[in-house]
């Protein structure tokens, strides 16, 4: 996605002790979005088509994100 685009969420996650090919799930429950990807060189890249409400000083919107692997789960 081009920088500044607001119709997708893109990024990557790093998994300590992960191996290439390990499955990673990234979910944003409030947006009803989940993407499944795999590790490559310790990172899993992702892109989720969504139109989130953007954070601003006057409207500091945040979303819960759930990351899962076969052996661990973290919510932030």
PDB file of N, CA and C in Angstrom:
ATOM      1  N   UNK A   1       0.839  -1.172   0.000  1.00  0.00           N
ATOM      2  CA  UNK A   1       0.000   0.000   0.000  1.00  0.00           C
ATOM      3  C   UNK A   1       0.887   1.239   0.000  1.00  0.00           C
ATOM      4  N   UNK A   2       0.462   2.263  -0.694  1.00  0.00           N
ATOM      5  CA  UNK A   2       1.228   3.502  -0.679  1.00  0.00           C
ATOM      6  C   UNK A   2       1.204   4.149   0.705  1.00  0.00           C
ATOM      7  N   UNK A   3       2.271   4.837   1.028  1.00  0.00           N
ATOM      8  CA  UNK A   3       2.336   5.545   2.312  1.00  0.00           C
ATOM      9  C   UNK A   3       1.175   6.522   2.409  1.00  0.00           C
ATOM     10  N   UNK A   4       0.480   6.523   3.549  1.00  0.00           N
ATOM     11  CA  UNK A   4      -0.642   7.408   3.759  1.00  0.00           C
ATOM     12  C   UNK A   4      -1.990   6.822   3.350  1.00  0.00           C
ATOM     13  N   UNK A   5      -1.993   5.619   2.746  1.00  0.00           N
ATOM     14  CA  UNK A   5      -3.256   4.982   2.367  1.00  0.00           C
ATOM     15  C   UNK A   5      -4.033   4.622   3.630  1.00  0.00           C
ATOM     16  N   UNK A   6      -5.364   4.745   3.581  1.00  0.00           N
ATOM     17  CA  UNK A   6      -6.180   4.473   4.761  1.00  0.00           C
ATOM     18  C   UNK A   6      -7.159   3.322   4.545  1.00  0.00           C
ATOM     19  N   UNK A   7      -6.933   2.497   3.518  1.00  0.00           N
ATOM     20  CA  UNK A   7      -7.838   1.376   3.268  1.00  0.00           C
ATOM     21  C   UNK A   7      -7.216   0.027   3.596  1.00  0.00           C
ATOM     22  N   UNK A   8      -6.072   0.038   4.265  1.00  0.00           N
ATOM     23  CA  UNK A   8      -5.431  -1.220   4.651  1.00  0.00           C
ATOM     24  C   UNK A   8      -4.478  -0.969   5.819  1.00  0.00           C
ATOM     25  N   UNK A   9      -4.265  -2.036   6.565  1.00  0.00           N
ATOM     26  CA  UNK A   9      -3.295  -2.013   7.662  1.00  0.00           C
ATOM     27  C   UNK A   9      -2.195  -2.980   7.252  1.00  0.00           C
ATOM     28  N   UNK A  10      -0.974  -2.500   7.121  1.00  0.00           N
ATOM     29  CA  UNK A  10       0.135  -3.347   6.721  1.00  0.00           C
ATOM     30  C   UNK A  10       1.234  -3.267   7.767  1.00  0.00           C
ATOM     31  N   UNK A  11       2.010  -4.314   7.843  1.00  0.00           N
ATOM     32  CA  UNK A  11       3.115  -4.309   8.788  1.00  0.00           C
ATOM     33  C   UNK A  11       3.766  -5.665   8.882  1.00  0.00           C
ATOM     34  N   UNK A  12       4.478  -5.884   9.964  1.00  0.00           N
ATOM     35  CA  UNK A  12       5.127  -7.161  10.210  1.00  0.00           C
ATOM     36  C   UNK A  12       5.238  -7.374  11.707  1.00  0.00           C
ATOM     37  N   UNK A  13       5.373  -8.631  12.085  1.00  0.00           N
ATOM     38  CA  UNK A  13       5.628  -8.996  13.475  1.00  0.00           C
ATOM     39  C   UNK A  13       6.863  -9.886  13.508  1.00  0.00           C
ATOM     40  N   UNK A  14       7.591  -9.792  14.573  1.00  0.00           N
ATOM     41  CA  UNK A  14       8.768 -10.619  14.785  1.00  0.00           C
ATOM     42  C   UNK A  14       8.457 -11.619  15.894  1.00  0.00           C
ATOM     43  N   UNK A  15       8.851 -12.876  15.686  1.00  0.00           N
ATOM     44  CA  UNK A  15       8.578 -13.918  16.674  1.00  0.00           C
ATOM     45  C   UNK A  15       9.903 -14.506  17.144  1.00  0.00           C
ATOM     46  N   UNK A  16      10.204 -14.298  18.425  1.00  0.00           N
ATOM     47  CA  UNK A  16      11.425 -14.842  18.998  1.00  0.00           C
ATOM     48  C   UNK A  16      11.363 -16.366  18.975  1.00  0.00           C
ATOM     49  N   UNK A  17      12.422 -17.005  18.557  1.00  0.00           N
ATOM     50  CA  UNK A  17      12.550 -18.462  18.468  1.00  0.00           C
ATOM     51  C   UNK A  17      11.604 -19.079  17.431  1.00  0.00           C
ATOM     52  N   UNK A  18      11.000 -18.276  16.559  1.00  0.00           N
ATOM     53  CA  UNK A  18      10.154 -18.811  15.496  1.00  0.00           C
ATOM     54  C   UNK A  18      11.010 -19.354  14.364  1.00  0.00           C
ATOM     55  N   UNK A  19      10.430 -20.298  13.618  1.00  0.00           N
ATOM     56  CA  UNK A  19      11.134 -20.902  12.485  1.00  0.00           C
ATOM     57  C   UNK A  19      10.414 -20.541  11.198  1.00  0.00           C
ATOM     58  N   UNK A  20      11.160 -20.464  10.106  1.00  0.00           N
ATOM     59  CA  UNK A  20      10.546 -20.200   8.819  1.00  0.00           C
ATOM     60  C   UNK A  20       9.406 -21.180   8.580  1.00  0.00           C
ATOM     61  N   UNK A  21       8.270 -20.658   8.143  1.00  0.00           N
ATOM     62  CA  UNK A  21       7.102 -21.489   7.872  1.00  0.00           C
ATOM     63  C   UNK A  21       6.132 -21.605   9.031  1.00  0.00           C
ATOM     64  N   UNK A  22       6.533 -21.179  10.247  1.00  0.00           N
ATOM     65  CA  UNK A  22       5.607 -21.209  11.387  1.00  0.00           C
ATOM     66  C   UNK A  22       4.429 -20.281  11.104  1.00  0.00           C
ATOM     67  N   UNK A  23       3.229 -20.732  11.447  1.00  0.00           N
ATOM     68  CA  UNK A  23       2.016 -19.946  11.216  1.00  0.00           C
ATOM     69  C   UNK A  23       1.854 -18.856  12.267  1.00  0.00           C
ATOM     70  N   UNK A  24       1.379 -17.691  11.825  1.00  0.00           N
ATOM     71  CA  UNK A  24       1.096 -16.564  12.698  1.00  0.00           C
ATOM     72  C   UNK A  24      -0.273 -16.005  12.300  1.00  0.00           C
ATOM     73  N   UNK A  25      -1.111 -15.741  13.295  1.00  0.00           N
ATOM     74  CA  UNK A  25      -2.422 -15.152  13.064  1.00  0.00           C
ATOM     75  C   UNK A  25      -2.452 -13.772  13.701  1.00  0.00           C
ATOM     76  N   UNK A  26      -2.920 -12.783  12.937  1.00  0.00           N
ATOM     77  CA  UNK A  26      -3.052 -11.424  13.437  1.00  0.00           C
ATOM     78  C   UNK A  26      -4.530 -11.056  13.333  1.00  0.00           C
ATOM     79  N   UNK A  27      -5.150 -10.693  14.467  1.00  0.00           N
ATOM     80  CA  UNK A  27      -6.584 -10.371  14.471  1.00  0.00           C
ATOM     81  C   UNK A  27      -6.829  -9.009  15.108  1.00  0.00           C
ATOM     82  N   UNK A  28      -7.810  -8.303  14.555  1.00  0.00           N
ATOM     83  CA  UNK A  28      -8.298  -7.055  15.129  1.00  0.00           C
ATOM     84  C   UNK A  28      -9.795  -7.278  15.320  1.00  0.00           C
ATOM     85  N   UNK A  29     -10.189  -7.786  16.495  1.00  0.00           N
ATOM     86  CA  UNK A  29     -11.586  -8.179  16.717  1.00  0.00           C
ATOM     87  C   UNK A  29     -12.611  -7.079  16.448  1.00  0.00           C
ATOM     88  N   UNK A  30     -12.355  -5.855  16.868  1.00  0.00           N
ATOM     89  CA  UNK A  30     -13.333  -4.779  16.683  1.00  0.00           C
ATOM     90  C   UNK A  30     -13.635  -4.519  15.202  1.00  0.00           C
ATOM     91  N   UNK A  31     -12.642  -4.746  14.338  1.00  0.00           N
ATOM     92  CA  UNK A  31     -12.843  -4.569  12.901  1.00  0.00           C
ATOM     93  C   UNK A  31     -13.299  -5.864  12.225  1.00  0.00           C
ATOM     94  N   UNK A  32     -13.393  -6.942  13.020  1.00  0.00           N
ATOM     95  CA  UNK A  32     -13.764  -8.266  12.504  1.00  0.00           C
ATOM     96  C   UNK A  32     -12.822  -8.699  11.381  1.00  0.00           C
ATOM     97  N   UNK A  33     -11.522  -8.521  11.621  1.00  0.00           N
ATOM     98  CA  UNK A  33     -10.500  -8.842  10.631  1.00  0.00           C
ATOM     99  C   UNK A  33      -9.471  -9.783  11.224  1.00  0.00           C
ATOM    100  N   UNK A  34      -9.117 -10.813  10.458  1.00  0.00           N
ATOM    101  CA  UNK A  34      -8.063 -11.747  10.837  1.00  0.00           C
ATOM    102  C   UNK A  34      -7.279 -12.097   9.580  1.00  0.00           C
ATOM    103  N   UNK A  35      -5.987 -12.183   9.707  1.00  0.00           N
ATOM    104  CA  UNK A  35      -5.141 -12.616   8.596  1.00  0.00           C
ATOM    105  C   UNK A  35      -4.176 -13.666   9.132  1.00  0.00           C
ATOM    106  N   UNK A  36      -3.928 -14.680   8.313  1.00  0.00           N
ATOM    107  CA  UNK A  36      -2.980 -15.729   8.650  1.00  0.00           C
ATOM    108  C   UNK A  36      -1.789 -15.619   7.710  1.00  0.00           C
ATOM    109  N   UNK A  37      -0.606 -15.724   8.279  1.00  0.00           N
ATOM    110  CA  UNK A  37       0.610 -15.601   7.500  1.00  0.00           C
ATOM    111  C   UNK A  37       1.653 -16.553   8.085  1.00  0.00           C
ATOM    112  N   UNK A  38       2.852 -16.577   7.515  1.00  0.00           N
ATOM    113  CA  UNK A  38       3.913 -17.453   8.013  1.00  0.00           C
ATOM    114  C   UNK A  38       5.201 -16.660   8.203  1.00  0.00           C
ATOM    115  N   UNK A  39       6.047 -17.180   9.065  1.00  0.00           N
ATOM    116  CA  UNK A  39       7.335 -16.545   9.324  1.00  0.00           C
ATOM    117  C   UNK A  39       8.314 -16.790   8.185  1.00  0.00           C
ATOM    118  N   UNK A  40       9.080 -15.764   7.902  1.00  0.00           N
ATOM    119  CA  UNK A  40      10.187 -15.864   6.954  1.00  0.00           C
ATOM    120  C   UNK A  40      11.291 -14.992   7.521  1.00  0.00           C
ATOM    121  N   UNK A  41      12.436 -15.593   7.799  1.00  0.00           N
ATOM    122  CA  UNK A  41      13.558 -14.871   8.408  1.00  0.00           C
ATOM    123  C   UNK A  41      13.165 -14.211   9.731  1.00  0.00           C
ATOM    124  N   UNK A  42      12.315 -14.897  10.509  1.00  0.00           N
ATOM    125  CA  UNK A  42      11.933 -14.429  11.833  1.00  0.00           C
ATOM    126  C   UNK A  42      10.801 -13.424  11.863  1.00  0.00           C
ATOM    127  N   UNK A  43      10.304 -13.011  10.684  1.00  0.00           N
ATOM    128  CA  UNK A  43       9.232 -12.022  10.627  1.00  0.00           C
ATOM    129  C   UNK A  43       8.063 -12.546   9.797  1.00  0.00           C
ATOM    130  N   UNK A  44       6.877 -12.064  10.129  1.00  0.00           N
ATOM    131  CA  UNK A  44       5.680 -12.390   9.356  1.00  0.00           C
ATOM    132  C   UNK A  44       5.081 -11.068   8.882  1.00  0.00           C
ATOM    133  N   UNK A  45       5.063 -10.864   7.573  1.00  0.00           N
ATOM    134  CA  UNK A  45       4.470  -9.653   7.011  1.00  0.00           C
ATOM    135  C   UNK A  45       2.979  -9.874   6.806  1.00  0.00           C
ATOM    136  N   UNK A  46       2.205  -8.775   6.888  1.00  0.00           N
ATOM    137  CA  UNK A  46       0.763  -8.907   6.699  1.00  0.00           C
ATOM    138  C   UNK A  46       0.175  -7.640   6.106  1.00  0.00           C
ATOM    139  N   UNK A  47      -0.998  -7.801   5.511  1.00  0.00           N
ATOM    140  CA  UNK A  47      -1.797  -6.692   5.019  1.00  0.00           C
ATOM    141  C   UNK A  47      -3.255  -7.066   5.245  1.00  0.00           C
ATOM    142  N   UNK A  48      -3.987  -6.188   5.927  1.00  0.00           N
ATOM    143  CA  UNK A  48      -5.395  -6.423   6.231  1.00  0.00           C
ATOM    144  C   UNK A  48      -6.209  -5.298   5.591  1.00  0.00           C
ATOM    145  N   UNK A  49      -7.106  -5.660   4.677  1.00  0.00           N
ATOM    146  CA  UNK A  49      -7.989  -4.646   4.092  1.00  0.00           C
ATOM    147  C   UNK A  49      -8.978  -4.203   5.155  1.00  0.00           C
ATOM    148  N   UNK A  50      -8.945  -2.916   5.474  1.00  0.00           N
ATOM    149  CA  UNK A  50      -9.815  -2.362   6.521  1.00  0.00           C
ATOM    150  C   UNK A  50      -9.830  -0.850   6.407  1.00  0.00           C
ATOM    151  N   UNK A  51     -10.821  -0.239   6.999  1.00  0.00           N
ATOM    152  CA  UNK A  51     -10.910   1.217   7.068  1.00  0.00           C
ATOM    153  C   UNK A  51     -11.017   1.615   8.538  1.00  0.00           C
ATOM    154  N   UNK A  52      -9.909   1.496   9.270  1.00  0.00           N
ATOM    155  CA  UNK A  52      -9.954   1.839  10.691  1.00  0.00           C
ATOM    156  C   UNK A  52     -10.129   3.339  10.899  1.00  0.00           C
ATOM    157  N   UNK A  53     -10.684   3.671  12.061  1.00  0.00           N
ATOM    158  CA  UNK A  53     -10.731   5.073  12.468  1.00  0.00           C
ATOM    159  C   UNK A  53      -9.312   5.446  12.862  1.00  0.00           C
ATOM    160  N   UNK A  54      -8.774   6.483  12.270  1.00  0.00           N
ATOM    161  CA  UNK A  54      -7.391   6.848  12.526  1.00  0.00           C
ATOM    162  C   UNK A  54      -7.250   7.615  13.835  1.00  0.00           C
ATOM    163  N   UNK A  55      -6.125   7.407  14.496  1.00  0.00           N
ATOM    164  CA  UNK A  55      -5.827   8.085  15.757  1.00  0.00           C
ATOM    165  C   UNK A  55      -5.495   9.541  15.468  1.00  0.00           C
ATOM    166  N   UNK A  56      -5.959  10.416  16.335  1.00  0.00           N
ATOM    167  CA  UNK A  56      -5.574  11.827  16.293  1.00  0.00           C
ATOM    168  C   UNK A  56      -5.592  12.349  17.727  1.00  0.00           C
ATOM    169  N   UNK A  57      -4.938  13.474  18.000  1.00  0.00           N
ATOM    170  CA  UNK A  57      -4.932  14.017  19.364  1.00  0.00           C
ATOM    171  C   UNK A  57      -6.338  14.318  19.893  1.00  0.00           C
ATOM    172  N   UNK A  58      -7.255  14.685  19.008  1.00  0.00           N
ATOM    173  CA  UNK A  58      -8.611  15.001  19.452  1.00  0.00           C
ATOM    174  C   UNK A  58      -9.509  13.771  19.506  1.00  0.00           C
ATOM    175  N   UNK A  59      -9.081  12.684  18.863  1.00  0.00           N
ATOM    176  CA  UNK A  59      -9.851  11.438  18.864  1.00  0.00           C
ATOM    177  C   UNK A  59      -8.868  10.268  18.926  1.00  0.00           C
ATOM    178  N   UNK A  60      -8.315   9.990  20.113  1.00  0.00           N
ATOM    179  CA  UNK A  60      -7.256   8.989  20.243  1.00  0.00           C
ATOM    180  C   UNK A  60      -7.779   7.541  20.188  1.00  0.00           C
ATOM    181  N   UNK A  61      -8.205   7.105  19.016  1.00  0.00           N
ATOM    182  CA  UNK A  61      -8.761   5.762  18.821  1.00  0.00           C
ATOM    183  C   UNK A  61      -7.650   4.718  18.777  1.00  0.00           C
ATOM    184  N   UNK A  62      -7.829   3.639  19.549  1.00  0.00           N
ATOM    185  CA  UNK A  62      -6.913   2.501  19.496  1.00  0.00           C
ATOM    186  C   UNK A  62      -7.731   1.222  19.311  1.00  0.00           C
ATOM    187  N   UNK A  63      -7.083   0.171  18.845  1.00  0.00           N
ATOM    188  CA  UNK A  63      -7.729  -1.123  18.619  1.00  0.00           C
ATOM    189  C   UNK A  63      -6.937  -2.214  19.326  1.00  0.00           C
ATOM    190  N   UNK A  64      -7.653  -3.208  19.833  1.00  0.00           N
ATOM    191  CA  UNK A  64      -7.008  -4.391  20.396  1.00  0.00           C
ATOM    192  C   UNK A  64      -6.525  -5.266  19.237  1.00  0.00           C
ATOM    193  N   UNK A  65      -5.301  -5.774  19.355  1.00  0.00           N
ATOM    194  CA  UNK A  65      -4.725  -6.666  18.355  1.00  0.00           C
ATOM    195  C   UNK A  65      -4.332  -7.953  19.058  1.00  0.00           C
ATOM    196  N   UNK A  66      -4.677  -9.101  18.439  1.00  0.00           N
ATOM    197  CA  UNK A  66      -4.354 -10.416  18.999  1.00  0.00           C
ATOM    198  C   UNK A  66      -3.412 -11.128  18.045  1.00  0.00           C
ATOM    199  N   UNK A  67      -2.226 -11.487  18.549  1.00  0.00           N
ATOM    200  CA  UNK A  67      -1.251 -12.244  17.764  1.00  0.00           C
ATOM    201  C   UNK A  67      -1.185 -13.649  18.318  1.00  0.00           C
ATOM    202  N   UNK A  68      -1.253 -14.657  17.416  1.00  0.00           N
ATOM    203  CA  UNK A  68      -1.200 -16.053  17.859  1.00  0.00           C
ATOM    204  C   UNK A  68      -0.211 -16.846  17.025  1.00  0.00           C
ATOM    205  N   UNK A  69       0.492 -17.752  17.717  1.00  0.00           N
ATOM    206  CA  UNK A  69       1.289 -18.773  17.066  1.00  0.00           C
ATOM    207  C   UNK A  69       0.794 -20.113  17.604  1.00  0.00           C
ATOM    208  N   UNK A  70       1.397 -21.176  17.168  1.00  0.00           N
ATOM    209  CA  UNK A  70       0.978 -22.497  17.639  1.00  0.00           C
ATOM    210  C   UNK A  70       1.183 -22.665  19.143  1.00  0.00           C
ATOM    211  N   UNK A  71       2.119 -21.898  19.709  1.00  0.00           N
ATOM    212  CA  UNK A  71       2.452 -22.092  21.123  1.00  0.00           C
ATOM    213  C   UNK A  71       2.246 -20.877  22.018  1.00  0.00           C
ATOM    214  N   UNK A  72       1.807 -19.755  21.446  1.00  0.00           N
ATOM    215  CA  UNK A  72       1.704 -18.546  22.260  1.00  0.00           C
ATOM    216  C   UNK A  72       0.620 -17.616  21.722  1.00  0.00           C
ATOM    217  N   UNK A  73       0.155 -16.717  22.569  1.00  0.00           N
ATOM    218  CA  UNK A  73      -0.823 -15.707  22.189  1.00  0.00           C
ATOM    219  C   UNK A  73      -0.575 -14.453  23.003  1.00  0.00           C
ATOM    220  N   UNK A  74      -0.677 -13.306  22.345  1.00  0.00           N
ATOM    221  CA  UNK A  74      -0.510 -12.037  23.049  1.00  0.00           C
ATOM    222  C   UNK A  74      -1.580 -11.071  22.538  1.00  0.00           C
ATOM    223  N   UNK A  75      -2.129 -10.305  23.469  1.00  0.00           N
ATOM    224  CA  UNK A  75      -3.124  -9.297  23.146  1.00  0.00           C
ATOM    225  C   UNK A  75      -2.574  -7.946  23.572  1.00  0.00           C
ATOM    226  N   UNK A  76      -2.683  -6.989  22.684  1.00  0.00           N
ATOM    227  CA  UNK A  76      -2.176  -5.637  22.992  1.00  0.00           C
ATOM    228  C   UNK A  76      -3.175  -4.622  22.494  1.00  0.00           C
TER     229      UNK A  76
END
